[in-house]
Amino acid sequence: MTDREPSRILALWSAPRSRSTAFLRMMAERGDYTVVHEPFSHVADFGKADVAGRAVHSESELIAALRELSARTPVFFKDTTDFHYPGLLADTEFLAEAEHTFIIRHPAEIVASHYALNPALTRDEIGVARLGEIHDAVAAHTSRTPVVVDSDDLLAAPEETVRAYCAAVGIDFRAEALSWQPGLREEWRSTSAWHESTSRTSGFTKVASSYADTVDNNPLLAEFADYHLPHYLALKADRLPVPGVSGH
């Protein structure tokens, strides 16, 4: 645990296909947070999002709803950066008051997984550069380095990585949250294709996948990955230290 009080709003930002849904599943299993699934991307994609039963239709409404909800219960939300969020970036108070954390995955892995689900994928939808933009905005408006989880660490050493994350954000570690019952959560149904693999898991385990198109045989995917690689490496420089994991 840290010496400071944990924020009432804990966020996890992720490029798509970076194992953030499994992280949300773990946070839901804890039982001490009201969990909100991808509200910013739902506003951007569908024009509305649900925050504990309250419909919101803009980023400003969403942020207000998260603040209101957090007055009653601690809130955890995770979201993806396949969209740009100007309202988030403009609200410097929200950037400072919530605990914004990040999860990363190598761009070469992201693009292969993303392209398999979305062959119309564009460069910016991969989201690593936008993830870095939010990270840098948070860093500019707080006095601390944002927490960055490497999803490879999460698979290699789940308990140690989650324990380190909990200590970094000032919450207690709950070992029982590292496993859960497989299944598709209700809030995943509107985007179920993106969460199908996580719905079959019962913990942080690597799901074997093979893709017809990868950076090794598709020049466009290689170009996309190369564009995002510097942003990934910059985020990785702030990688959360995990005792006993290679590279720390």
Protein backbone atom coordinates (compact mmCIF):
# COMPACT_ATOMS: atom_id res chain seq x y z
CA MET A 1 0.00 0.00 0.00
CA THR A 2 1.07 3.59 -0.56
CA ASP A 3 0.87 6.30 2.09
CA ARG A 4 -1.73 8.31 0.17
CA GLU A 5 -5.44 7.64 0.11
CA PRO A 6 -6.53 5.75 -3.01
CA SER A 7 -8.55 7.72 -5.54
CA ARG A 8 -12.30 7.14 -5.60
CA ILE A 9 -11.99 6.70 -9.39
CA LEU A 10 -9.48 4.17 -10.69
CA ALA A 11 -9.06 3.97 -14.47
CA LEU A 12 -7.22 1.54 -16.72
CA TRP A 13 -6.45 2.79 -20.22
CA SER A 14 -5.48 0.35 -22.94
CA ALA A 15 -4.97 0.03 -26.66
CA PRO A 16 -7.42 -2.55 -28.01
CA ARG A 17 -6.37 -6.21 -27.77
CA SER A 18 -4.08 -5.59 -24.80
CA ARG A 19 -5.70 -7.89 -22.22
CA SER A 20 -7.48 -5.07 -20.41
CA THR A 21 -10.79 -6.94 -20.34
CA ALA A 22 -9.21 -9.68 -18.24
CA PHE A 23 -7.93 -6.99 -15.88
CA LEU A 24 -11.45 -5.57 -15.56
CA ARG A 25 -12.71 -9.09 -14.85
CA MET A 26 -10.25 -9.32 -11.96
CA MET A 27 -11.31 -5.94 -10.61
CA ALA A 28 -14.96 -7.01 -10.75
CA GLU A 29 -14.09 -10.16 -8.81
CA ARG A 30 -12.69 -8.06 -5.97
CA GLY A 31 -16.19 -6.89 -5.09
CA ASP A 32 -15.16 -3.52 -3.64
CA TYR A 33 -15.48 -1.43 -6.82
CA THR A 34 -18.38 -0.55 -9.05
CA VAL A 35 -17.01 -1.55 -12.44
CA VAL A 36 -17.82 0.44 -15.59
CA HIS A 37 -16.90 -1.11 -18.93
CA GLU A 38 -15.50 1.13 -21.69
CA PRO A 39 -17.75 4.16 -21.21
CA PHE A 40 -15.66 6.63 -23.23
CA SER A 41 -15.44 4.35 -26.25
CA HIS A 42 -19.16 3.59 -26.06
CA VAL A 43 -19.94 7.33 -26.14
CA ALA A 44 -17.61 7.74 -29.13
CA ASP A 45 -18.84 4.64 -30.99
CA PHE A 46 -22.54 4.39 -30.10
CA GLY A 47 -23.34 7.91 -28.91
CA LYS A 48 -24.14 6.81 -25.36
CA ALA A 49 -22.84 4.83 -22.42
CA ASP A 50 -24.27 3.41 -19.22
CA VAL A 51 -22.81 4.42 -15.87
CA ALA A 52 -24.49 2.30 -13.19
CA GLY A 53 -27.87 2.71 -14.86
CA ARG A 54 -27.43 6.34 -15.90
CA ALA A 55 -27.34 7.04 -19.64
CA VAL A 56 -24.75 9.60 -20.77
CA HIS A 57 -24.25 11.01 -24.25
CA SER A 58 -21.04 13.05 -24.13
CA GLU A 59 -17.64 12.96 -22.48
CA SER A 60 -18.58 15.82 -20.15
CA GLU A 61 -21.77 14.01 -19.05
CA LEU A 62 -19.75 10.83 -18.58
CA ILE A 63 -17.13 12.46 -16.40
CA ALA A 64 -19.86 14.09 -14.30
CA ALA A 65 -21.59 10.71 -13.90
CA LEU A 66 -18.35 9.02 -12.83
CA ARG A 67 -17.75 11.75 -10.26
CA GLU A 68 -21.30 11.44 -8.93
CA LEU A 69 -21.06 7.65 -8.72
CA SER A 70 -17.69 7.83 -6.97
CA ALA A 71 -19.26 9.88 -4.17
CA ARG A 72 -21.25 6.74 -3.29
CA THR A 73 -18.85 3.93 -4.15
CA PRO A 74 -15.30 3.47 -5.41
CA VAL A 75 -15.36 3.23 -9.21
CA PHE A 76 -13.12 1.29 -11.57
CA PHE A 77 -13.45 1.79 -15.30
CA LYS A 78 -11.39 0.53 -18.17
CA ASP A 79 -11.38 1.92 -21.66
CA THR A 80 -9.65 1.56 -24.99
CA THR A 81 -7.90 4.09 -27.18
CA ASP A 82 -9.18 3.12 -30.61
CA PHE A 83 -10.95 6.49 -30.35
CA HIS A 84 -9.68 9.98 -29.52
CA TYR A 85 -11.11 11.62 -26.38
CA PRO A 86 -10.77 15.42 -26.58
CA GLY A 87 -13.17 15.94 -23.66
CA LEU A 88 -11.02 13.79 -21.41
CA LEU A 89 -7.82 15.55 -22.43
CA ALA A 90 -9.41 18.97 -21.89
CA ASP A 91 -10.63 18.17 -18.36
CA THR A 92 -7.40 18.71 -16.47
CA GLU A 93 -9.16 18.37 -13.09
CA PHE A 94 -10.35 14.88 -14.00
CA LEU A 95 -6.88 13.96 -15.27
CA ALA A 96 -5.50 14.91 -11.86
CA GLU A 97 -8.23 13.68 -9.50
CA ALA A 98 -8.75 10.14 -10.88
CA GLU A 99 -6.02 7.51 -10.72
CA HIS A 100 -5.31 6.90 -14.41
CA THR A 101 -3.31 3.71 -14.99
CA PHE A 102 -2.25 2.00 -18.20
CA ILE A 103 -1.70 -1.46 -19.65
CA ILE A 104 0.57 -2.14 -22.63
CA ARG A 105 1.25 -4.84 -25.20
CA HIS A 106 3.74 -4.94 -28.07
CA PRO A 107 2.27 -3.33 -31.22
CA ALA A 108 3.18 -6.32 -33.40
CA GLU A 109 0.90 -8.50 -31.27
CA ILE A 110 -1.84 -5.89 -31.10
CA VAL A 111 -2.11 -5.32 -34.85
CA ALA A 112 -2.36 -9.03 -35.72
CA SER A 113 -5.10 -9.59 -33.13
CA HIS A 114 -6.94 -6.39 -34.05
CA TYR A 115 -6.77 -6.97 -37.82
CA ALA A 116 -8.24 -10.46 -37.41
CA LEU A 117 -11.39 -8.88 -35.94
CA ASN A 118 -11.38 -5.68 -37.99
CA PRO A 119 -9.84 -5.97 -41.48
CA ALA A 120 -10.76 -2.31 -42.10
CA LEU A 121 -8.37 -1.34 -39.30
CA THR A 122 -6.70 2.05 -39.62
CA ARG A 123 -3.36 3.08 -38.19
CA ASP A 124 -4.70 5.32 -35.44
CA GLU A 125 -7.32 2.80 -34.27
CA ILE A 126 -4.48 0.60 -33.01
CA GLY A 127 -4.39 3.10 -30.19
CA VAL A 128 -0.88 2.96 -28.76
CA ALA A 129 -0.06 6.54 -29.77
CA ARG A 130 -3.35 7.74 -28.23
CA LEU A 131 -2.54 5.73 -25.10
CA GLY A 132 0.74 7.61 -24.87
CA GLU A 133 -1.09 10.92 -25.34
CA ILE A 134 -3.35 10.23 -22.34
CA HIS A 135 -0.38 9.00 -20.27
CA ASP A 136 1.56 12.19 -21.00
CA ALA A 137 -1.46 14.40 -20.22
CA VAL A 138 -1.94 12.65 -16.87
CA ALA A 139 1.77 12.96 -16.07
CA ALA A 140 1.65 16.68 -16.88
CA HIS A 141 -1.18 17.32 -14.42
CA THR A 142 -0.11 15.15 -11.48
CA SER A 143 2.95 14.96 -9.28
CA ARG A 144 3.45 11.22 -9.86
CA THR A 145 4.43 8.91 -12.69
CA PRO A 146 1.36 7.02 -13.95
CA VAL A 147 1.28 3.28 -13.29
CA VAL A 148 1.96 1.24 -16.44
CA VAL A 149 1.32 -2.52 -16.36
CA ASP A 150 3.02 -4.70 -18.96
CA SER A 151 0.45 -7.31 -19.99
CA ASP A 152 3.27 -9.81 -20.56
CA ASP A 153 4.14 -9.47 -16.87
CA LEU A 154 0.50 -10.07 -16.02
CA LEU A 155 0.61 -13.41 -17.82
CA ALA A 156 4.07 -14.42 -16.60
CA ALA A 157 3.47 -13.57 -12.93
CA PRO A 158 -0.17 -12.72 -12.25
CA GLU A 159 -0.02 -12.58 -8.46
CA GLU A 160 3.20 -10.59 -8.31
CA THR A 161 2.02 -8.13 -10.98
CA VAL A 162 -1.40 -7.55 -9.45
CA ARG A 163 0.15 -7.25 -6.01
CA ALA A 164 2.55 -4.59 -7.33
CA TYR A 165 -0.32 -2.77 -9.04
CA CYS A 166 -2.41 -2.73 -5.87
CA ALA A 167 0.51 -1.37 -3.87
CA ALA A 168 1.15 1.32 -6.47
CA VAL A 169 -2.45 2.61 -6.46
CA GLY A 170 -2.93 2.24 -2.71
CA ILE A 171 -5.47 -0.59 -2.48
CA ASP A 172 -5.31 -3.95 -0.74
CA PHE A 173 -4.31 -7.05 -2.69
CA ARG A 174 -6.99 -9.75 -2.89
CA ALA A 175 -5.64 -13.11 -4.02
CA GLU A 176 -9.13 -14.54 -4.49
CA ALA A 177 -9.75 -12.06 -7.34
CA LEU A 178 -7.11 -13.74 -9.51
CA SER A 179 -9.59 -16.42 -10.58
CA TRP A 180 -13.19 -16.21 -11.74
CA GLN A 181 -15.94 -18.16 -13.45
CA PRO A 182 -15.80 -18.09 -17.27
CA GLY A 183 -18.68 -16.33 -18.98
CA LEU A 184 -19.74 -13.31 -21.01
CA ARG A 185 -20.62 -10.40 -18.75
CA GLU A 186 -23.81 -8.54 -19.65
CA GLU A 187 -22.02 -5.28 -20.43
CA TRP A 188 -19.82 -7.09 -22.98
CA ARG A 189 -22.71 -8.28 -25.14
CA SER A 190 -22.92 -5.25 -27.45
CA THR A 191 -19.26 -5.79 -28.39
CA SER A 192 -19.09 -9.52 -27.67
CA ALA A 193 -16.75 -10.43 -30.55
CA TRP A 194 -14.01 -8.40 -28.87
CA HIS A 195 -14.42 -10.15 -25.52
CA GLU A 196 -15.09 -13.73 -26.56
CA SER A 197 -11.61 -15.01 -25.71
CA THR A 198 -11.68 -13.41 -22.26
CA SER A 199 -15.13 -14.85 -21.61
CA ARG A 200 -13.57 -18.34 -21.85
CA THR A 201 -10.88 -17.65 -19.26
CA SER A 202 -10.87 -18.20 -15.53
CA GLY A 203 -7.71 -16.23 -14.79
CA PHE A 204 -4.72 -14.50 -16.35
CA THR A 205 -3.63 -17.16 -18.83
CA LYS A 206 -2.25 -16.83 -22.34
CA VAL A 207 -4.81 -17.82 -24.96
CA ALA A 208 -3.17 -19.61 -27.89
CA SER A 209 -3.87 -17.72 -31.11
CA SER A 210 -2.59 -17.83 -34.66
CA TYR A 211 -3.30 -15.20 -37.31
CA ALA A 212 -3.23 -15.38 -41.08
CA ASP A 213 -1.96 -11.79 -41.27
CA THR A 214 0.95 -10.61 -39.13
CA VAL A 215 3.70 -8.02 -39.33
CA ASP A 216 5.86 -10.71 -40.94
CA ASN A 217 3.68 -11.22 -44.01
CA ASN A 218 1.51 -8.09 -44.28
CA PRO A 219 3.42 -4.88 -45.10
CA LEU A 220 0.55 -2.66 -43.98
CA LEU A 221 0.47 -4.25 -40.52
CA ALA A 222 4.24 -3.92 -40.32
CA GLU A 223 3.93 -0.22 -41.18
CA PHE A 224 1.26 0.25 -38.51
CA ALA A 225 3.33 -1.53 -35.86
CA ASP A 226 6.42 0.51 -36.72
CA TYR A 227 4.46 3.74 -36.29
CA HIS A 228 3.30 2.76 -32.80
CA LEU A 229 6.53 1.16 -31.61
CA PRO A 230 8.17 4.38 -30.29
CA HIS A 231 5.03 5.18 -28.30
CA TYR A 232 5.02 1.66 -26.85
CA LEU A 233 8.68 1.92 -25.87
CA ALA A 234 8.08 5.29 -24.19
CA LEU A 235 5.27 3.77 -22.14
CA LYS A 236 7.35 0.72 -21.35
CA ALA A 237 10.01 2.99 -19.83
CA ASP A 238 7.49 3.57 -17.00
CA ARG A 239 6.71 -0.16 -16.66
CA LEU A 240 5.59 -1.13 -13.17
CA PRO A 241 8.41 -2.95 -11.37
CA VAL A 242 7.43 -6.54 -10.58
CA PRO A 243 9.75 -8.44 -8.24
CA GLY A 244 11.21 -11.58 -9.81
CA VAL A 245 10.06 -10.83 -13.36
CA SER A 246 12.71 -10.63 -16.07
CA GLY A 247 13.68 -7.10 -17.07
CA HIS A 248 13.17 -5.58 -13.62
